[in-house]
């Protein structure tokens, strides 16, 4: 528990629950000192060198093994996305954004058009 960051909202909810149980609305519990780990949460420089895998998903398809074995040069695999739909940007296989394909110096790139909200990211876990 000492290594977990302090969750102020959970702490406030716990205090309210304790007050409701005890019925002592006049007495407010003391604010505990925040638990600090050996690293300050404001200093995240140590995370800047962590490698991540960024990938762009154009679409997906499901096929039977017999259909997969029949693929050859020039075969077309139909994907579940329509032409013009945004591509999905994944970091370590987690959806974080959507975007459109662009050309940058004769290379493909992706322009981010939508960042996935934290609520959407949690739903995808």
N, C-alpha and C. Protein backbone atom coordinates (compact mmCIF):
# COMPACT_ATOMS: atom_id res chain seq x y z
N UNK A 1 0.81 -1.19 0.00
CA UNK A 1 0.00 0.00 0.00
C UNK A 1 0.86 1.25 0.00
N UNK A 2 2.05 1.21 0.60
CA UNK A 2 2.91 2.38 0.66
C UNK A 2 3.43 2.76 -0.71
N UNK A 3 3.49 1.80 -1.68
CA UNK A 3 3.99 2.10 -3.00
C UNK A 3 2.91 2.63 -3.93
N UNK A 4 1.63 2.60 -3.53
CA UNK A 4 0.55 3.07 -4.39
C UNK A 4 0.41 4.58 -4.24
N UNK A 5 0.08 5.29 -5.36
CA UNK A 5 -0.12 6.73 -5.25
C UNK A 5 -1.38 7.04 -4.45
N UNK A 6 -1.42 8.21 -3.85
CA UNK A 6 -2.54 8.63 -3.02
C UNK A 6 -3.72 8.99 -3.91
N UNK A 7 -4.86 8.38 -3.70
CA UNK A 7 -6.07 8.64 -4.46
C UNK A 7 -6.98 9.50 -3.59
N UNK A 8 -6.98 10.80 -3.84
CA UNK A 8 -7.71 11.74 -2.99
C UNK A 8 -9.21 11.54 -3.07
N UNK A 9 -9.75 11.20 -4.25
CA UNK A 9 -11.19 10.99 -4.38
C UNK A 9 -11.63 9.77 -3.58
N UNK A 10 -10.86 8.70 -3.64
CA UNK A 10 -11.21 7.50 -2.88
C UNK A 10 -11.12 7.78 -1.38
N UNK A 11 -10.13 8.56 -0.99
CA UNK A 11 -9.96 8.92 0.42
C UNK A 11 -11.15 9.75 0.90
N UNK A 12 -11.59 10.72 0.08
CA UNK A 12 -12.74 11.54 0.45
C UNK A 12 -14.00 10.70 0.56
N UNK A 13 -14.18 9.75 -0.35
CA UNK A 13 -15.36 8.87 -0.29
C UNK A 13 -15.32 8.01 0.96
N UNK A 14 -14.15 7.53 1.34
CA UNK A 14 -14.01 6.72 2.54
C UNK A 14 -14.34 7.54 3.79
N UNK A 15 -13.91 8.80 3.82
CA UNK A 15 -14.22 9.67 4.95
C UNK A 15 -15.72 9.88 5.06
N UNK A 16 -16.36 10.15 3.93
CA UNK A 16 -17.81 10.36 3.96
C UNK A 16 -18.54 9.12 4.46
N UNK A 17 -18.09 7.95 4.02
CA UNK A 17 -18.71 6.70 4.47
C UNK A 17 -18.51 6.51 5.97
N UNK A 18 -17.31 6.81 6.47
CA UNK A 18 -17.05 6.68 7.91
C UNK A 18 -17.90 7.65 8.71
N UNK A 19 -18.07 8.88 8.20
CA UNK A 19 -18.90 9.86 8.89
C UNK A 19 -20.35 9.42 8.92
N UNK A 20 -20.83 8.87 7.82
CA UNK A 20 -22.22 8.42 7.75
C UNK A 20 -22.47 7.27 8.72
N UNK A 21 -21.50 6.36 8.85
CA UNK A 21 -21.64 5.22 9.77
C UNK A 21 -21.65 5.68 11.22
N UNK A 22 -20.75 6.60 11.54
CA UNK A 22 -20.61 7.00 12.94
C UNK A 22 -21.67 8.01 13.37
N UNK A 23 -22.22 8.76 12.40
CA UNK A 23 -23.23 9.76 12.73
C UNK A 23 -22.64 10.98 13.41
N UNK A 24 -21.34 11.12 13.42
CA UNK A 24 -20.68 12.25 14.07
C UNK A 24 -20.31 13.28 13.02
N UNK A 25 -21.30 14.01 12.51
CA UNK A 25 -21.07 14.99 11.46
C UNK A 25 -20.27 16.18 11.95
N UNK A 26 -20.26 16.44 13.26
CA UNK A 26 -19.53 17.59 13.79
C UNK A 26 -18.04 17.33 13.83
N UNK A 27 -17.64 16.08 13.92
CA UNK A 27 -16.23 15.75 14.06
C UNK A 27 -15.66 15.34 12.71
N UNK A 28 -14.69 16.09 12.22
CA UNK A 28 -14.07 15.80 10.93
C UNK A 28 -12.74 15.11 11.19
N UNK A 29 -12.50 13.98 10.53
CA UNK A 29 -11.23 13.29 10.76
C UNK A 29 -10.06 14.12 10.27
N UNK A 30 -8.91 13.88 10.90
CA UNK A 30 -7.70 14.59 10.51
C UNK A 30 -7.29 14.16 9.10
N UNK A 31 -6.69 15.11 8.37
CA UNK A 31 -6.19 14.81 7.04
C UNK A 31 -4.85 14.09 7.18
N UNK A 32 -4.75 12.87 6.67
CA UNK A 32 -3.47 12.18 6.78
C UNK A 32 -2.45 12.78 5.83
N UNK A 33 -1.20 12.64 6.17
CA UNK A 33 -0.13 13.11 5.30
C UNK A 33 -0.06 12.19 4.08
N UNK A 34 0.14 12.77 2.88
CA UNK A 34 0.25 11.93 1.69
C UNK A 34 1.44 10.98 1.79
N UNK A 35 1.22 9.77 1.32
CA UNK A 35 2.29 8.79 1.32
C UNK A 35 3.14 9.03 0.08
N UNK A 36 4.42 9.19 0.23
CA UNK A 36 5.33 9.46 -0.88
C UNK A 36 6.25 8.26 -1.08
N UNK A 37 6.45 7.92 -2.32
CA UNK A 37 7.43 6.87 -2.63
C UNK A 37 8.77 7.55 -2.80
N UNK A 38 9.79 6.77 -3.15
CA UNK A 38 11.13 7.34 -3.29
C UNK A 38 11.22 8.31 -4.46
N UNK A 39 10.30 8.24 -5.44
CA UNK A 39 10.28 9.16 -6.56
C UNK A 39 9.13 10.13 -6.40
N UNK A 40 9.37 11.38 -6.69
CA UNK A 40 8.32 12.39 -6.63
C UNK A 40 7.43 12.24 -7.85
N UNK A 41 6.09 12.31 -7.70
CA UNK A 41 5.21 12.16 -8.85
C UNK A 41 5.38 13.28 -9.87
N UNK A 42 5.91 14.43 -9.46
CA UNK A 42 6.13 15.53 -10.39
C UNK A 42 7.30 15.26 -11.32
N UNK A 43 8.19 14.36 -10.94
CA UNK A 43 9.38 14.09 -11.74
C UNK A 43 9.18 12.79 -12.50
N UNK A 44 8.75 12.91 -13.74
CA UNK A 44 8.52 11.71 -14.55
C UNK A 44 9.60 11.54 -15.61
N UNK A 45 10.72 12.22 -15.45
CA UNK A 45 11.80 12.13 -16.44
C UNK A 45 12.26 10.70 -16.66
N UNK A 46 12.19 9.86 -15.63
CA UNK A 46 12.65 8.49 -15.77
C UNK A 46 11.78 7.69 -16.74
N UNK A 47 10.56 8.16 -17.03
CA UNK A 47 9.67 7.48 -17.97
C UNK A 47 9.95 7.84 -19.42
N UNK A 48 10.67 8.94 -19.66
CA UNK A 48 10.84 9.43 -21.02
C UNK A 48 11.62 8.49 -21.92
N UNK A 49 12.42 7.60 -21.37
CA UNK A 49 13.21 6.67 -22.18
C UNK A 49 12.60 5.28 -22.27
N UNK A 50 11.36 5.09 -21.83
CA UNK A 50 10.70 3.79 -21.91
C UNK A 50 10.22 3.59 -23.34
N UNK A 51 10.68 2.52 -24.00
CA UNK A 51 10.25 2.28 -25.39
C UNK A 51 8.81 1.78 -25.45
N UNK A 52 8.06 2.27 -26.43
CA UNK A 52 6.69 1.86 -26.67
C UNK A 52 6.54 1.46 -28.13
N UNK A 53 5.63 0.55 -28.40
CA UNK A 53 5.36 0.14 -29.77
C UNK A 53 4.12 0.88 -30.25
N UNK A 54 4.29 1.69 -31.29
CA UNK A 54 3.19 2.44 -31.88
C UNK A 54 2.84 1.77 -33.20
N UNK A 55 1.56 1.45 -33.38
CA UNK A 55 1.13 0.83 -34.64
C UNK A 55 -0.16 1.48 -35.10
N UNK A 56 -0.41 1.38 -36.40
CA UNK A 56 -1.61 1.93 -37.00
C UNK A 56 -2.38 0.77 -37.62
N UNK A 57 -3.64 0.63 -37.22
CA UNK A 57 -4.46 -0.46 -37.72
C UNK A 57 -5.37 0.09 -38.82
N UNK A 58 -5.17 -0.45 -40.03
CA UNK A 58 -5.97 -0.04 -41.18
C UNK A 58 -7.33 -0.71 -41.10
N UNK A 59 -7.37 -1.93 -40.64
CA UNK A 59 -8.61 -2.68 -40.52
C UNK A 59 -8.28 -4.11 -40.14
N UNK A 60 -9.30 -4.92 -39.95
CA UNK A 60 -9.09 -6.32 -39.60
C UNK A 60 -9.98 -7.20 -40.46
N UNK A 61 -9.63 -8.46 -40.50
CA UNK A 61 -10.43 -9.43 -41.25
C UNK A 61 -10.31 -10.78 -40.54
N UNK A 62 -11.37 -11.57 -40.62
CA UNK A 62 -11.36 -12.93 -40.10
C UNK A 62 -11.47 -13.87 -41.29
N UNK A 63 -10.64 -14.88 -41.30
CA UNK A 63 -10.69 -15.84 -42.41
C UNK A 63 -10.41 -17.24 -41.90
N UNK A 64 -10.87 -18.18 -42.65
CA UNK A 64 -10.59 -19.58 -42.36
C UNK A 64 -9.18 -19.90 -42.82
N UNK A 65 -8.58 -20.90 -42.22
CA UNK A 65 -7.23 -21.28 -42.60
C UNK A 65 -7.18 -21.69 -44.07
N UNK A 66 -8.22 -22.41 -44.56
CA UNK A 66 -8.20 -22.84 -45.96
C UNK A 66 -8.21 -21.63 -46.89
N UNK A 67 -8.92 -20.53 -46.50
CA UNK A 67 -8.92 -19.32 -47.32
C UNK A 67 -7.57 -18.61 -47.25
N UNK A 68 -6.96 -18.62 -46.09
CA UNK A 68 -5.65 -18.01 -45.92
C UNK A 68 -4.61 -18.71 -46.77
N UNK A 69 -4.67 -20.04 -46.84
CA UNK A 69 -3.70 -20.81 -47.62
C UNK A 69 -3.86 -20.60 -49.12
N UNK A 70 -5.02 -20.13 -49.55
CA UNK A 70 -5.25 -19.90 -50.98
C UNK A 70 -4.80 -18.51 -51.43
N UNK A 71 -4.39 -17.65 -50.49
CA UNK A 71 -3.94 -16.31 -50.85
C UNK A 71 -2.63 -16.38 -51.63
N UNK A 72 -2.51 -15.53 -52.60
CA UNK A 72 -1.27 -15.45 -53.38
C UNK A 72 -1.03 -14.01 -53.76
N UNK A 73 0.03 -13.80 -54.52
CA UNK A 73 0.36 -12.45 -54.96
C UNK A 73 -0.80 -11.89 -55.78
N UNK A 74 -1.24 -10.70 -55.45
CA UNK A 74 -2.36 -10.07 -56.13
C UNK A 74 -3.71 -10.33 -55.47
N UNK A 75 -3.76 -11.22 -54.47
CA UNK A 75 -5.02 -11.48 -53.76
C UNK A 75 -5.44 -10.23 -52.99
N UNK A 76 -6.73 -10.08 -52.82
CA UNK A 76 -7.27 -8.95 -52.07
C UNK A 76 -7.96 -9.49 -50.83
N UNK A 77 -7.62 -8.92 -49.68
CA UNK A 77 -8.26 -9.29 -48.41
C UNK A 77 -9.18 -8.14 -48.04
N UNK A 78 -10.47 -8.44 -47.89
CA UNK A 78 -11.45 -7.41 -47.54
C UNK A 78 -11.39 -7.15 -46.04
N UNK A 79 -11.24 -5.86 -45.69
CA UNK A 79 -11.15 -5.46 -44.29
C UNK A 79 -12.50 -4.96 -43.79
N UNK A 80 -12.63 -4.86 -42.49
CA UNK A 80 -13.90 -4.43 -41.89
C UNK A 80 -14.11 -2.92 -41.90
N UNK A 81 -13.17 -2.15 -42.42
CA UNK A 81 -13.28 -0.69 -42.47
C UNK A 81 -13.68 -0.24 -43.87
N UNK A 82 -14.42 0.85 -43.92
CA UNK A 82 -14.78 1.46 -45.18
C UNK A 82 -13.69 2.43 -45.61
N UNK A 83 -13.58 2.67 -46.91
CA UNK A 83 -12.61 3.64 -47.41
C UNK A 83 -12.94 5.01 -46.82
N UNK A 84 -11.93 5.71 -46.33
CA UNK A 84 -12.12 7.03 -45.75
C UNK A 84 -12.36 7.02 -44.26
N UNK A 85 -12.59 5.85 -43.67
CA UNK A 85 -12.76 5.79 -42.21
C UNK A 85 -11.42 6.04 -41.54
N UNK A 86 -11.43 6.62 -40.32
CA UNK A 86 -10.16 6.87 -39.63
C UNK A 86 -9.41 5.59 -39.28
N UNK A 87 -8.11 5.67 -39.33
CA UNK A 87 -7.25 4.57 -38.91
C UNK A 87 -7.14 4.61 -37.39
N UNK A 88 -6.85 3.46 -36.79
CA UNK A 88 -6.70 3.39 -35.33
C UNK A 88 -5.22 3.41 -34.98
N UNK A 89 -4.84 4.29 -34.06
CA UNK A 89 -3.46 4.38 -33.59
C UNK A 89 -3.41 3.67 -32.24
N UNK A 90 -2.54 2.66 -32.16
CA UNK A 90 -2.42 1.86 -30.94
C UNK A 90 -1.03 2.04 -30.36
N UNK A 91 -0.97 2.11 -29.05
CA UNK A 91 0.32 2.11 -28.35
C UNK A 91 0.30 0.89 -27.44
N UNK A 92 1.27 0.00 -27.68
CA UNK A 92 1.32 -1.28 -26.97
C UNK A 92 -0.03 -1.99 -27.04
N UNK A 93 -0.62 -2.01 -28.22
CA UNK A 93 -1.89 -2.69 -28.53
C UNK A 93 -3.09 -2.10 -27.81
N UNK A 94 -3.00 -0.87 -27.33
CA UNK A 94 -4.13 -0.18 -26.71
C UNK A 94 -4.49 1.02 -27.58
N UNK A 95 -5.78 1.14 -27.94
CA UNK A 95 -6.25 2.24 -28.77
C UNK A 95 -6.11 3.56 -28.03
N UNK A 96 -5.40 4.52 -28.62
CA UNK A 96 -5.22 5.83 -27.99
C UNK A 96 -5.70 6.98 -28.86
N UNK A 97 -5.81 6.74 -30.18
CA UNK A 97 -6.21 7.83 -31.07
C UNK A 97 -6.71 7.26 -32.39
N UNK A 98 -7.29 8.16 -33.20
CA UNK A 98 -7.70 7.82 -34.56
C UNK A 98 -7.14 8.92 -35.47
N UNK A 99 -6.92 8.57 -36.73
CA UNK A 99 -6.35 9.57 -37.62
C UNK A 99 -6.52 9.21 -39.07
N UNK A 100 -5.98 10.08 -39.93
CA UNK A 100 -6.06 9.88 -41.36
C UNK A 100 -4.66 9.73 -41.95
N UNK A 101 -4.56 8.96 -43.01
CA UNK A 101 -3.28 8.70 -43.65
C UNK A 101 -2.86 9.94 -44.45
N UNK A 102 -1.60 10.31 -44.32
CA UNK A 102 -1.02 11.43 -45.07
C UNK A 102 0.32 10.99 -45.65
N UNK A 103 0.81 11.74 -46.63
CA UNK A 103 2.14 11.50 -47.19
C UNK A 103 3.07 12.58 -46.68
N UNK A 104 4.23 12.18 -46.15
CA UNK A 104 5.23 13.11 -45.65
C UNK A 104 6.57 12.69 -46.24
N UNK A 105 7.12 13.53 -47.14
CA UNK A 105 8.41 13.22 -47.78
C UNK A 105 8.43 11.82 -48.37
N UNK A 106 7.44 11.47 -49.16
CA UNK A 106 7.33 10.17 -49.83
C UNK A 106 7.18 9.00 -48.86
N UNK A 107 6.79 9.28 -47.64
CA UNK A 107 6.53 8.22 -46.65
C UNK A 107 5.12 8.42 -46.13
N UNK A 108 4.53 7.32 -45.71
CA UNK A 108 3.19 7.41 -45.11
C UNK A 108 3.31 7.91 -43.68
N UNK A 109 2.30 8.65 -43.27
CA UNK A 109 2.19 9.11 -41.90
C UNK A 109 0.72 9.11 -41.50
N UNK A 110 0.44 9.44 -40.27
CA UNK A 110 -0.93 9.51 -39.79
C UNK A 110 -1.12 10.84 -39.07
N UNK A 111 -2.11 11.61 -39.50
CA UNK A 111 -2.47 12.85 -38.81
C UNK A 111 -3.55 12.50 -37.80
N UNK A 112 -3.29 12.79 -36.53
CA UNK A 112 -4.25 12.48 -35.48
C UNK A 112 -5.45 13.40 -35.60
N UNK A 113 -6.63 12.81 -35.64
CA UNK A 113 -7.86 13.59 -35.73
C UNK A 113 -8.71 13.49 -34.47
N UNK A 114 -8.45 12.46 -33.65
CA UNK A 114 -9.27 12.24 -32.46
C UNK A 114 -8.44 11.48 -31.44
N UNK A 115 -8.35 12.02 -30.23
CA UNK A 115 -7.68 11.33 -29.12
C UNK A 115 -8.76 10.62 -28.32
N UNK A 116 -8.53 9.37 -28.01
CA UNK A 116 -9.51 8.57 -27.28
C UNK A 116 -9.60 9.09 -25.84
N UNK A 117 -10.81 9.27 -25.34
CA UNK A 117 -11.01 9.77 -23.99
C UNK A 117 -10.58 8.71 -22.97
N UNK A 118 -10.20 9.13 -21.77
CA UNK A 118 -9.82 8.15 -20.74
C UNK A 118 -10.93 7.14 -20.45
N UNK A 119 -12.18 7.57 -20.52
CA UNK A 119 -13.30 6.65 -20.25
C UNK A 119 -13.34 5.56 -21.32
N UNK A 120 -13.14 5.96 -22.61
CA UNK A 120 -13.12 4.99 -23.70
C UNK A 120 -11.96 4.01 -23.54
N UNK A 121 -10.80 4.53 -23.11
CA UNK A 121 -9.63 3.67 -22.92
C UNK A 121 -9.90 2.64 -21.84
N UNK A 122 -10.56 3.04 -20.76
CA UNK A 122 -10.87 2.11 -19.67
C UNK A 122 -11.84 1.04 -20.14
N UNK A 123 -12.83 1.42 -20.96
CA UNK A 123 -13.80 0.46 -21.48
C UNK A 123 -13.13 -0.59 -22.35
N UNK A 124 -12.03 -0.22 -23.02
CA UNK A 124 -11.37 -1.16 -23.93
C UNK A 124 -10.45 -2.15 -23.21
N UNK A 125 -10.26 -2.00 -21.90
CA UNK A 125 -9.36 -2.92 -21.16
C UNK A 125 -9.96 -4.27 -20.98
